Amino acid sequence: MTSPGADSLRLDKYLWYVRLTKTRAAAQSLCAEGRMRLGGRIVDRAHQAVRIGDVLTFALHGRVRVIRVEALPARRGPAAEAALCYAEIGDAVDGRERAT
């Protein structure tokens, strides 16, 4: 899945490659909003490096997603292949349902 020697990937490319966003421009916008966290730190740049084992937290499509990077893809492949590159962790919060 990863290219030889690649130990990191730009955050915007990662989000697009693993099909969490429909376009790379949408991924860049998500990063630039400053509402994404990488390992607990706020991200405000799309070129932030992502590595295997990193944890991303962000709101997307009305819910909070917490994912762990499992692999760095070399391309934007099929959805089944993309799903192997990250693992959902923690409890995702739906925007319509709030825990009390």
PDB file of N, CA and C in Angstrom:
ATOM      1  N   MET A   1       0.799  -1.198   0.000  1.00  0.00           N
ATOM      2  CA  MET A   1       0.000   0.000   0.000  1.00  0.00           C
ATOM      3  C   MET A   1       0.843   1.265   0.000  1.00  0.00           C
ATOM      4  N   THR A   2       1.947   1.245   0.697  1.00  0.00           N
ATOM      5  CA  THR A   2       2.788   2.434   0.728  1.00  0.00           C
ATOM      6  C   THR A   2       3.908   2.303  -0.285  1.00  0.00           C
ATOM      7  N   SER A   3       4.399   3.451  -0.700  1.00  0.00           N
ATOM      8  CA  SER A   3       5.534   3.416  -1.605  1.00  0.00           C
ATOM      9  C   SER A   3       6.797   3.135  -0.795  1.00  0.00           C
ATOM     10  N   PRO A   4       7.759   2.470  -1.402  1.00  0.00           N
ATOM     11  CA  PRO A   4       8.983   2.131  -0.691  1.00  0.00           C
ATOM     12  C   PRO A   4       9.672   3.388  -0.154  1.00  0.00           C
ATOM     13  N   GLY A   5      10.034   3.351   1.108  1.00  0.00           N
ATOM     14  CA  GLY A   5      10.735   4.466   1.717  1.00  0.00           C
ATOM     15  C   GLY A   5       9.842   5.581   2.223  1.00  0.00           C
ATOM     16  N   ALA A   6       8.545   5.509   1.974  1.00  0.00           N
ATOM     17  CA  ALA A   6       7.637   6.563   2.432  1.00  0.00           C
ATOM     18  C   ALA A   6       7.235   6.292   3.876  1.00  0.00           C
ATOM     19  N   ASP A   7       7.589   7.218   4.772  1.00  0.00           N
ATOM     20  CA  ASP A   7       7.208   7.039   6.172  1.00  0.00           C
ATOM     21  C   ASP A   7       6.176   8.075   6.603  1.00  0.00           C
ATOM     22  N   SER A   8       5.814   8.985   5.693  1.00  0.00           N
ATOM     23  CA  SER A   8       4.781   9.973   5.994  1.00  0.00           C
ATOM     24  C   SER A   8       4.090  10.387   4.700  1.00  0.00           C
ATOM     25  N   LEU A   9       2.935  11.044   4.883  1.00  0.00           N
ATOM     26  CA  LEU A   9       2.135  11.497   3.760  1.00  0.00           C
ATOM     27  C   LEU A   9       1.449  12.786   4.177  1.00  0.00           C
ATOM     28  N   ARG A  10       1.261  13.708   3.246  1.00  0.00           N
ATOM     29  CA  ARG A  10       0.538  14.945   3.552  1.00  0.00           C
ATOM     30  C   ARG A  10      -0.862  14.607   4.048  1.00  0.00           C
ATOM     31  N   LEU A  11      -1.342  15.350   5.022  1.00  0.00           N
ATOM     32  CA  LEU A  11      -2.652  15.103   5.613  1.00  0.00           C
ATOM     33  C   LEU A  11      -3.774  15.205   4.584  1.00  0.00           C
ATOM     34  N   ASP A  12      -3.745  16.215   3.731  1.00  0.00           N
ATOM     35  CA  ASP A  12      -4.809  16.364   2.737  1.00  0.00           C
ATOM     36  C   ASP A  12      -4.836  15.189   1.755  1.00  0.00           C
ATOM     37  N   LYS A  13      -3.659  14.731   1.348  1.00  0.00           N
ATOM     38  CA  LYS A  13      -3.594  13.574   0.453  1.00  0.00           C
ATOM     39  C   LYS A  13      -4.122  12.326   1.155  1.00  0.00           C
ATOM     40  N   TYR A  14      -3.759  12.157   2.421  1.00  0.00           N
ATOM     41  CA  TYR A  14      -4.224  10.986   3.166  1.00  0.00           C
ATOM     42  C   TYR A  14      -5.754  10.957   3.236  1.00  0.00           C
ATOM     43  N   LEU A  15      -6.357  12.079   3.608  1.00  0.00           N
ATOM     44  CA  LEU A  15      -7.819  12.147   3.722  1.00  0.00           C
ATOM     45  C   LEU A  15      -8.495  11.833   2.392  1.00  0.00           C
ATOM     46  N   TRP A  16      -7.910  12.301   1.315  1.00  0.00           N
ATOM     47  CA  TRP A  16      -8.470  12.061  -0.016  1.00  0.00           C
ATOM     48  C   TRP A  16      -8.228  10.613  -0.460  1.00  0.00           C
ATOM     49  N   TYR A  17      -7.014  10.110  -0.271  1.00  0.00           N
ATOM     50  CA  TYR A  17      -6.677   8.747  -0.674  1.00  0.00           C
ATOM     51  C   TYR A  17      -7.560   7.710   0.025  1.00  0.00           C
ATOM     52  N   VAL A  18      -7.847   7.914   1.322  1.00  0.00           N
ATOM     53  CA  VAL A  18      -8.636   6.923   2.064  1.00  0.00           C
ATOM     54  C   VAL A  18     -10.131   7.207   1.996  1.00  0.00           C
ATOM     55  N   ARG A  19     -10.498   8.135   1.102  1.00  0.00           N
ATOM     56  CA  ARG A  19     -11.898   8.420   0.784  1.00  0.00           C
ATOM     57  C   ARG A  19     -12.711   8.966   1.945  1.00  0.00           C
ATOM     58  N   LEU A  20     -12.062   9.736   2.829  1.00  0.00           N
ATOM     59  CA  LEU A  20     -12.804  10.428   3.879  1.00  0.00           C
ATOM     60  C   LEU A  20     -13.361  11.745   3.350  1.00  0.00           C
ATOM     61  N   THR A  21     -12.768  12.268   2.272  1.00  0.00           N
ATOM     62  CA  THR A  21     -13.291  13.440   1.570  1.00  0.00           C
ATOM     63  C   THR A  21     -13.412  13.101   0.094  1.00  0.00           C
ATOM     64  N   LYS A  22     -14.328  13.779  -0.585  1.00  0.00           N
ATOM     65  CA  LYS A  22     -14.566  13.485  -1.999  1.00  0.00           C
ATOM     66  C   LYS A  22     -13.505  14.075  -2.909  1.00  0.00           C
ATOM     67  N   THR A  23     -12.939  15.223  -2.502  1.00  0.00           N
ATOM     68  CA  THR A  23     -11.915  15.865  -3.318  1.00  0.00           C
ATOM     69  C   THR A  23     -10.739  16.269  -2.445  1.00  0.00           C
ATOM     70  N   ARG A  24      -9.611  16.494  -3.088  1.00  0.00           N
ATOM     71  CA  ARG A  24      -8.448  16.946  -2.332  1.00  0.00           C
ATOM     72  C   ARG A  24      -8.669  18.368  -1.834  1.00  0.00           C
ATOM     73  N   ALA A  25      -9.387  19.178  -2.618  1.00  0.00           N
ATOM     74  CA  ALA A  25      -9.701  20.544  -2.194  1.00  0.00           C
ATOM     75  C   ALA A  25     -10.554  20.527  -0.925  1.00  0.00           C
ATOM     76  N   ALA A  26     -11.483  19.593  -0.832  1.00  0.00           N
ATOM     77  CA  ALA A  26     -12.306  19.468   0.377  1.00  0.00           C
ATOM     78  C   ALA A  26     -11.439  19.065   1.570  1.00  0.00           C
ATOM     79  N   ALA A  27     -10.459  18.217   1.328  1.00  0.00           N
ATOM     80  CA  ALA A  27      -9.534  17.807   2.384  1.00  0.00           C
ATOM     81  C   ALA A  27      -8.698  19.000   2.848  1.00  0.00           C
ATOM     82  N   GLN A  28      -8.248  19.820   1.903  1.00  0.00           N
ATOM     83  CA  GLN A  28      -7.470  21.011   2.255  1.00  0.00           C
ATOM     84  C   GLN A  28      -8.306  21.980   3.072  1.00  0.00           C
ATOM     85  N   SER A  29      -9.561  22.152   2.709  1.00  0.00           N
ATOM     86  CA  SER A  29     -10.454  23.047   3.452  1.00  0.00           C
ATOM     87  C   SER A  29     -10.673  22.532   4.865  1.00  0.00           C
ATOM     88  N   LEU A  30     -10.882  21.228   5.000  1.00  0.00           N
ATOM     89  CA  LEU A  30     -11.088  20.633   6.316  1.00  0.00           C
ATOM     90  C   LEU A  30      -9.878  20.882   7.212  1.00  0.00           C
ATOM     91  N   CYS A  31      -8.695  20.767   6.653  1.00  0.00           N
ATOM     92  CA  CYS A  31      -7.466  21.003   7.422  1.00  0.00           C
ATOM     93  C   CYS A  31      -7.311  22.482   7.780  1.00  0.00           C
ATOM     94  N   ALA A  32      -7.617  23.368   6.836  1.00  0.00           N
ATOM     95  CA  ALA A  32      -7.407  24.804   7.029  1.00  0.00           C
ATOM     96  C   ALA A  32      -8.379  25.409   8.051  1.00  0.00           C
ATOM     97  N   GLU A  33      -9.512  24.758   8.287  1.00  0.00           N
ATOM     98  CA  GLU A  33     -10.490  25.279   9.237  1.00  0.00           C
ATOM     99  C   GLU A  33      -9.971  25.282  10.668  1.00  0.00           C
ATOM    100  N   GLY A  34      -8.949  24.484  10.960  1.00  0.00           N
ATOM    101  CA  GLY A  34      -8.396  24.433  12.309  1.00  0.00           C
ATOM    102  C   GLY A  34      -9.249  23.630  13.267  1.00  0.00           C
ATOM    103  N   ARG A  35     -10.114  22.764  12.733  1.00  0.00           N
ATOM    104  CA  ARG A  35     -10.992  21.969  13.580  1.00  0.00           C
ATOM    105  C   ARG A  35     -10.606  20.496  13.558  1.00  0.00           C
ATOM    106  N   MET A  36      -9.387  20.233  13.143  1.00  0.00           N
ATOM    107  CA  MET A  36      -8.880  18.865  13.091  1.00  0.00           C
ATOM    108  C   MET A  36      -7.720  18.753  14.071  1.00  0.00           C
ATOM    109  N   ARG A  37      -7.630  17.598  14.693  1.00  0.00           N
ATOM    110  CA  ARG A  37      -6.517  17.350  15.614  1.00  0.00           C
ATOM    111  C   ARG A  37      -5.741  16.133  15.144  1.00  0.00           C
ATOM    112  N   LEU A  38      -4.445  16.247  15.256  1.00  0.00           N
ATOM    113  CA  LEU A  38      -3.528  15.160  14.910  1.00  0.00           C
ATOM    114  C   LEU A  38      -2.720  14.870  16.164  1.00  0.00           C
ATOM    115  N   GLY A  39      -2.997  13.744  16.779  1.00  0.00           N
ATOM    116  CA  GLY A  39      -2.314  13.410  18.026  1.00  0.00           C
ATOM    117  C   GLY A  39      -2.629  14.400  19.142  1.00  0.00           C
ATOM    118  N   GLY A  40      -3.825  14.974  19.131  1.00  0.00           N
ATOM    119  CA  GLY A  40      -4.247  15.914  20.172  1.00  0.00           C
ATOM    120  C   GLY A  40      -3.890  17.364  19.886  1.00  0.00           C
ATOM    121  N   ARG A  41      -3.071  17.609  18.867  1.00  0.00           N
ATOM    122  CA  ARG A  41      -2.674  18.979  18.526  1.00  0.00           C
ATOM    123  C   ARG A  41      -3.512  19.490  17.366  1.00  0.00           C
ATOM    124  N   ILE A  42      -3.923  20.740  17.426  1.00  0.00           N
ATOM    125  CA  ILE A  42      -4.740  21.343  16.382  1.00  0.00           C
ATOM    126  C   ILE A  42      -3.923  21.476  15.096  1.00  0.00           C
ATOM    127  N   VAL A  43      -4.542  21.091  13.996  1.00  0.00           N
ATOM    128  CA  VAL A  43      -3.916  21.179  12.675  1.00  0.00           C
ATOM    129  C   VAL A  43      -4.575  22.320  11.923  1.00  0.00           C
ATOM    130  N   ASP A  44      -3.765  23.182  11.318  1.00  0.00           N
ATOM    131  CA  ASP A  44      -4.326  24.264  10.514  1.00  0.00           C
ATOM    132  C   ASP A  44      -3.692  24.328   9.122  1.00  0.00           C
ATOM    133  N   ARG A  45      -2.912  23.315   8.787  1.00  0.00           N
ATOM    134  CA  ARG A  45      -2.254  23.273   7.479  1.00  0.00           C
ATOM    135  C   ARG A  45      -2.443  21.910   6.838  1.00  0.00           C
ATOM    136  N   ALA A  46      -2.713  21.919   5.558  1.00  0.00           N
ATOM    137  CA  ALA A  46      -2.953  20.677   4.816  1.00  0.00           C
ATOM    138  C   ALA A  46      -1.675  19.867   4.607  1.00  0.00           C
ATOM    139  N   HIS A  47      -0.521  20.503   4.711  1.00  0.00           N
ATOM    140  CA  HIS A  47       0.727  19.789   4.446  1.00  0.00           C
ATOM    141  C   HIS A  47       1.301  19.104   5.678  1.00  0.00           C
ATOM    142  N   GLN A  48       0.575  19.077   6.769  1.00  0.00           N
ATOM    143  CA  GLN A  48       1.023  18.395   7.988  1.00  0.00           C
ATOM    144  C   GLN A  48       1.296  16.928   7.658  1.00  0.00           C
ATOM    145  N   ALA A  49       2.393  16.384   8.148  1.00  0.00           N
ATOM    146  CA  ALA A  49       2.768  14.998   7.864  1.00  0.00           C
ATOM    147  C   ALA A  49       1.979  14.028   8.744  1.00  0.00           C
ATOM    148  N   VAL A  50       1.478  12.969   8.121  1.00  0.00           N
ATOM    149  CA  VAL A  50       0.760  11.906   8.825  1.00  0.00           C
ATOM    150  C   VAL A  50       1.608  10.647   8.752  1.00  0.00           C
ATOM    151  N   ARG A  51       1.709   9.943   9.875  1.00  0.00           N
ATOM    152  CA  ARG A  51       2.498   8.718   9.941  1.00  0.00           C
ATOM    153  C   ARG A  51       1.633   7.579  10.467  1.00  0.00           C
ATOM    154  N   ILE A  52       2.050   6.365  10.233  1.00  0.00           N
ATOM    155  CA  ILE A  52       1.338   5.201  10.754  1.00  0.00           C
ATOM    156  C   ILE A  52       1.321   5.284  12.278  1.00  0.00           C
ATOM    157  N   GLY A  53       0.150   5.061  12.850  1.00  0.00           N
ATOM    158  CA  GLY A  53      -0.022   5.125  14.302  1.00  0.00           C
ATOM    159  C   GLY A  53      -0.592   6.438  14.782  1.00  0.00           C
ATOM    160  N   ASP A  54      -0.593   7.475  13.945  1.00  0.00           N
ATOM    161  CA  ASP A  54      -1.162   8.770  14.331  1.00  0.00           C
ATOM    162  C   ASP A  54      -2.671   8.647  14.523  1.00  0.00           C
ATOM    163  N   VAL A  55      -3.210   9.479  15.416  1.00  0.00           N
ATOM    164  CA  VAL A  55      -4.646   9.510  15.664  1.00  0.00           C
ATOM    165  C   VAL A  55      -5.185  10.853  15.190  1.00  0.00           C
ATOM    166  N   LEU A  56      -6.221  10.793  14.336  1.00  0.00           N
ATOM    167  CA  LEU A  56      -6.878  11.994  13.801  1.00  0.00           C
ATOM    168  C   LEU A  56      -8.262  12.115  14.418  1.00  0.00           C
ATOM    169  N   THR A  57      -8.619  13.327  14.835  1.00  0.00           N
ATOM    170  CA  THR A  57      -9.943  13.611  15.380  1.00  0.00           C
ATOM    171  C   THR A  57     -10.496  14.806  14.626  1.00  0.00           C
ATOM    172  N   PHE A  58     -11.705  14.663  14.078  1.00  0.00           N
ATOM    173  CA  PHE A  58     -12.306  15.742  13.301  1.00  0.00           C
ATOM    174  C   PHE A  58     -13.802  15.502  13.143  1.00  0.00           C
ATOM    175  N   ALA A  59     -14.521  16.578  12.880  1.00  0.00           N
ATOM    176  CA  ALA A  59     -15.957  16.490  12.607  1.00  0.00           C
ATOM    177  C   ALA A  59     -16.151  16.445  11.101  1.00  0.00           C
ATOM    178  N   LEU A  60     -16.971  15.498  10.647  1.00  0.00           N
ATOM    179  CA  LEU A  60     -17.236  15.357   9.222  1.00  0.00           C
ATOM    180  C   LEU A  60     -18.616  14.756   9.045  1.00  0.00           C
ATOM    181  N   HIS A  61     -19.424  15.406   8.230  1.00  0.00           N
ATOM    182  CA  HIS A  61     -20.781  14.936   7.925  1.00  0.00           C
ATOM    183  C   HIS A  61     -21.632  14.761   9.182  1.00  0.00           C
ATOM    184  N   GLY A  62     -21.544  15.702  10.098  1.00  0.00           N
ATOM    185  CA  GLY A  62     -22.395  15.702  11.276  1.00  0.00           C
ATOM    186  C   GLY A  62     -21.990  14.771  12.395  1.00  0.00           C
ATOM    187  N   ARG A  63     -20.791  14.200  12.325  1.00  0.00           N
ATOM    188  CA  ARG A  63     -20.329  13.352  13.420  1.00  0.00           C
ATOM    189  C   ARG A  63     -18.842  13.525  13.646  1.00  0.00           C
ATOM    190  N   VAL A  64     -18.413  13.225  14.841  1.00  0.00           N
ATOM    191  CA  VAL A  64     -16.999  13.327  15.190  1.00  0.00           C
ATOM    192  C   VAL A  64     -16.353  11.985  14.880  1.00  0.00           C
ATOM    193  N   ARG A  65     -15.287  12.022  14.106  1.00  0.00           N
ATOM    194  CA  ARG A  65     -14.563  10.808  13.737  1.00  0.00           C
ATOM    195  C   ARG A  65     -13.232  10.795  14.468  1.00  0.00           C
ATOM    196  N   VAL A  66     -12.893   9.659  15.038  1.00  0.00           N
ATOM    197  CA  VAL A  66     -11.595   9.437  15.656  1.00  0.00           C
ATOM    198  C   VAL A  66     -11.021   8.202  14.978  1.00  0.00           C
ATOM    199  N   ILE A  67      -9.941   8.407  14.245  1.00  0.00           N
ATOM    200  CA  ILE A  67      -9.356   7.300  13.491  1.00  0.00           C
ATOM    201  C   ILE A  67      -7.862   7.182  13.782  1.00  0.00           C
ATOM    202  N   ARG A  68      -7.363   5.958  13.667  1.00  0.00           N
ATOM    203  CA  ARG A  68      -5.926   5.698  13.803  1.00  0.00           C
ATOM    204  C   ARG A  68      -5.411   5.305  12.424  1.00  0.00           C
ATOM    205  N   VAL A  69      -4.318   5.890  12.014  1.00  0.00           N
ATOM    206  CA  VAL A  69      -3.709   5.602  10.712  1.00  0.00           C
ATOM    207  C   VAL A  69      -3.049   4.223  10.794  1.00  0.00           C
ATOM    208  N   GLU A  70      -3.512   3.310   9.950  1.00  0.00           N
ATOM    209  CA  GLU A  70      -2.985   1.941   9.924  1.00  0.00           C
ATOM    210  C   GLU A  70      -1.979   1.727   8.792  1.00  0.00           C
ATOM    211  N   ALA A  71      -2.152   2.465   7.699  1.00  0.00           N
ATOM    212  CA  ALA A  71      -1.260   2.331   6.551  1.00  0.00           C
ATOM    213  C   ALA A  71      -1.295   3.625   5.752  1.00  0.00           C
ATOM    214  N   LEU A  72      -0.246   3.871   4.988  1.00  0.00           N
ATOM    215  CA  LEU A  72      -0.181   5.043   4.127  1.00  0.00           C
ATOM    216  C   LEU A  72      -0.360   4.584   2.678  1.00  0.00           C
ATOM    217  N   PRO A  73      -1.492   4.899   2.078  1.00  0.00           N
ATOM    218  CA  PRO A  73      -1.737   4.436   0.710  1.00  0.00           C
ATOM    219  C   PRO A  73      -0.859   5.187  -0.293  1.00  0.00           C
ATOM    220  N   ALA A  74      -0.566   4.519  -1.404  1.00  0.00           N
ATOM    221  CA  ALA A  74       0.233   5.128  -2.463  1.00  0.00           C
ATOM    222  C   ALA A  74      -0.650   5.785  -3.519  1.00  0.00           C
ATOM    223  N   ARG A  75      -1.961   5.510  -3.459  1.00  0.00           N
ATOM    224  CA  ARG A  75      -2.886   6.053  -4.452  1.00  0.00           C
ATOM    225  C   ARG A  75      -4.290   6.086  -3.863  1.00  0.00           C
ATOM    226  N   ARG A  76      -5.203   6.692  -4.585  1.00  0.00           N
ATOM    227  CA  ARG A  76      -6.616   6.675  -4.212  1.00  0.00           C
ATOM    228  C   ARG A  76      -7.230   5.456  -4.888  1.00  0.00           C
ATOM    229  N   GLY A  77      -7.326   4.390  -4.149  1.00  0.00           N
ATOM    230  CA  GLY A  77      -7.820   3.135  -4.697  1.00  0.00           C
ATOM    231  C   GLY A  77      -9.282   2.912  -4.377  1.00  0.00           C
ATOM    232  N   PRO A  78      -9.742   1.680  -4.549  1.00  0.00           N
ATOM    233  CA  PRO A  78     -11.130   1.353  -4.264  1.00  0.00           C
ATOM    234  C   PRO A  78     -11.452   1.508  -2.775  1.00  0.00           C
ATOM    235  N   ALA A  79     -12.730   1.657  -2.469  1.00  0.00           N
ATOM    236  CA  ALA A  79     -13.164   1.887  -1.091  1.00  0.00           C
ATOM    237  C   ALA A  79     -12.721   0.769  -0.151  1.00  0.00           C
ATOM    238  N   ALA A  80     -12.779  -0.468  -0.616  1.00  0.00           N
ATOM    239  CA  ALA A  80     -12.380  -1.594   0.231  1.00  0.00           C
ATOM    240  C   ALA A  80     -10.897  -1.498   0.613  1.00  0.00           C
ATOM    241  N   GLU A  81     -10.083  -1.080  -0.326  1.00  0.00           N
ATOM    242  CA  GLU A  81      -8.648  -0.909  -0.075  1.00  0.00           C
ATOM    243  C   GLU A  81      -8.410   0.281   0.863  1.00  0.00           C
ATOM    244  N   ALA A  82      -9.152   1.354   0.663  1.00  0.00           N
ATOM    245  CA  ALA A  82      -9.008   2.552   1.484  1.00  0.00           C
ATOM    246  C   ALA A  82      -9.391   2.284   2.936  1.00  0.00           C
ATOM    247  N   ALA A  83     -10.409   1.462   3.155  1.00  0.00           N
ATOM    248  CA  ALA A  83     -10.873   1.169   4.512  1.00  0.00           C
ATOM    249  C   ALA A  83      -9.820   0.430   5.334  1.00  0.00           C
ATOM    250  N   LEU A  84      -8.882  -0.226   4.689  1.00  0.00           N
ATOM    251  CA  LEU A  84      -7.822  -0.938   5.405  1.00  0.00           C
ATOM    252  C   LEU A  84      -6.732  -0.001   5.912  1.00  0.00           C
ATOM    253  N   CYS A  85      -6.760   1.250   5.483  1.00  0.00           N
ATOM    254  CA  CYS A  85      -5.704   2.206   5.834  1.00  0.00           C
ATOM    255  C   CYS A  85      -5.965   2.947   7.136  1.00  0.00           C
ATOM    256  N   TYR A  86      -7.146   2.772   7.728  1.00  0.00           N
ATOM    257  CA  TYR A  86      -7.433   3.417   9.006  1.00  0.00           C
ATOM    258  C   TYR A  86      -8.390   2.560   9.823  1.00  0.00           C
ATOM    259  N   ALA A  87      -8.394   2.806  11.138  1.00  0.00           N
ATOM    260  CA  ALA A  87      -9.297   2.093  12.034  1.00  0.00           C
ATOM    261  C   ALA A  87     -10.045   3.122  12.869  1.00  0.00           C
ATOM    262  N   GLU A  88     -11.354   2.957  12.970  1.00  0.00           N
ATOM    263  CA  GLU A  88     -12.166   3.822  13.833  1.00  0.00           C
ATOM    264  C   GLU A  88     -11.861   3.443  15.280  1.00  0.00           C
ATOM    265  N   ILE A  89     -11.613   4.437  16.106  1.00  0.00           N
ATOM    266  CA  ILE A  89     -11.394   4.169  17.527  1.00  0.00           C
ATOM    267  C   ILE A  89     -12.288   5.089  18.335  1.00  0.00           C
ATOM    268  N   GLY A  90     -12.534   4.726  19.556  1.00  0.00           N
ATOM    269  CA  GLY A  90     -13.375   5.560  20.415  1.00  0.00           C
ATOM    270  C   GLY A  90     -14.819   5.547  19.954  1.00  0.00           C
ATOM    271  N   ASP A  91     -15.633   6.310  20.655  1.00  0.00           N
ATOM    272  CA  ASP A  91     -17.042   6.436  20.319  1.00  0.00           C
ATOM    273  C   ASP A  91     -17.239   7.664  19.468  1.00  0.00           C
ATOM    274  N   ALA A  92     -17.771   7.478  18.288  1.00  0.00           N
ATOM    275  CA  ALA A  92     -18.090   8.615  17.419  1.00  0.00           C
ATOM    276  C   ALA A  92     -19.383   9.242  17.919  1.00  0.00           C
ATOM    277  N   VAL A  93     -19.440  10.570  17.913  1.00  0.00           N
ATOM    278  CA  VAL A  93     -20.609  11.284  18.387  1.00  0.00           C
ATOM    279  C   VAL A  93     -21.374  11.806  17.199  1.00  0.00           C
ATOM    280  N   ASP A  94     -22.631  11.443  17.084  1.00  0.00           N
ATOM    281  CA  ASP A  94     -23.505  11.916  16.026  1.00  0.00           C
ATOM    282  C   ASP A  94     -23.930  13.335  16.377  1.00  0.00           C
ATOM    283  N   GLY A  95     -23.936  14.234  15.414  1.00  0.00           N
ATOM    284  CA  GLY A  95     -24.297  15.639  15.649  1.00  0.00           C
ATOM    285  C   GLY A  95     -25.709  15.813  16.161  1.00  0.00           C
ATOM    286  N   ARG A  96     -26.613  14.878  15.875  1.00  0.00           N
ATOM    287  CA  ARG A  96     -27.994  14.980  16.325  1.00  0.00           C
ATOM    288  C   ARG A  96     -28.197  14.400  17.712  1.00  0.00           C
ATOM    289  N   GLU A  97     -27.313  13.515  18.133  1.00  0.00           N
ATOM    290  CA  GLU A  97     -27.438  12.876  19.434  1.00  0.00           C
ATOM    291  C   GLU A  97     -26.269  13.281  20.308  1.00  0.00           C
ATOM    292  N   ARG A  98     -26.555  13.877  21.414  1.00  0.00           N
ATOM    293  CA  ARG A  98     -25.509  14.281  22.362  1.00  0.00           C
ATOM    294  C   ARG A  98     -25.590  13.435  23.610  1.00  0.00           C
ATOM    295  N   ALA A  99     -24.445  12.962  24.077  1.00  0.00           N
ATOM    296  CA  ALA A  99     -24.419  12.187  25.319  1.00  0.00           C
ATOM    297  C   ALA A  99     -24.672  13.110  26.489  1.00  0.00           C
ATOM    298  N   THR A 100     -25.391  12.617  27.473  1.00  0.00           N
ATOM    299  CA  THR A 100     -25.693  13.459  28.643  1.00  0.00           C
ATOM    300  C   THR A 100     -24.810  13.136  29.797  1.00  0.00           C
TER     301      THR A 100
END
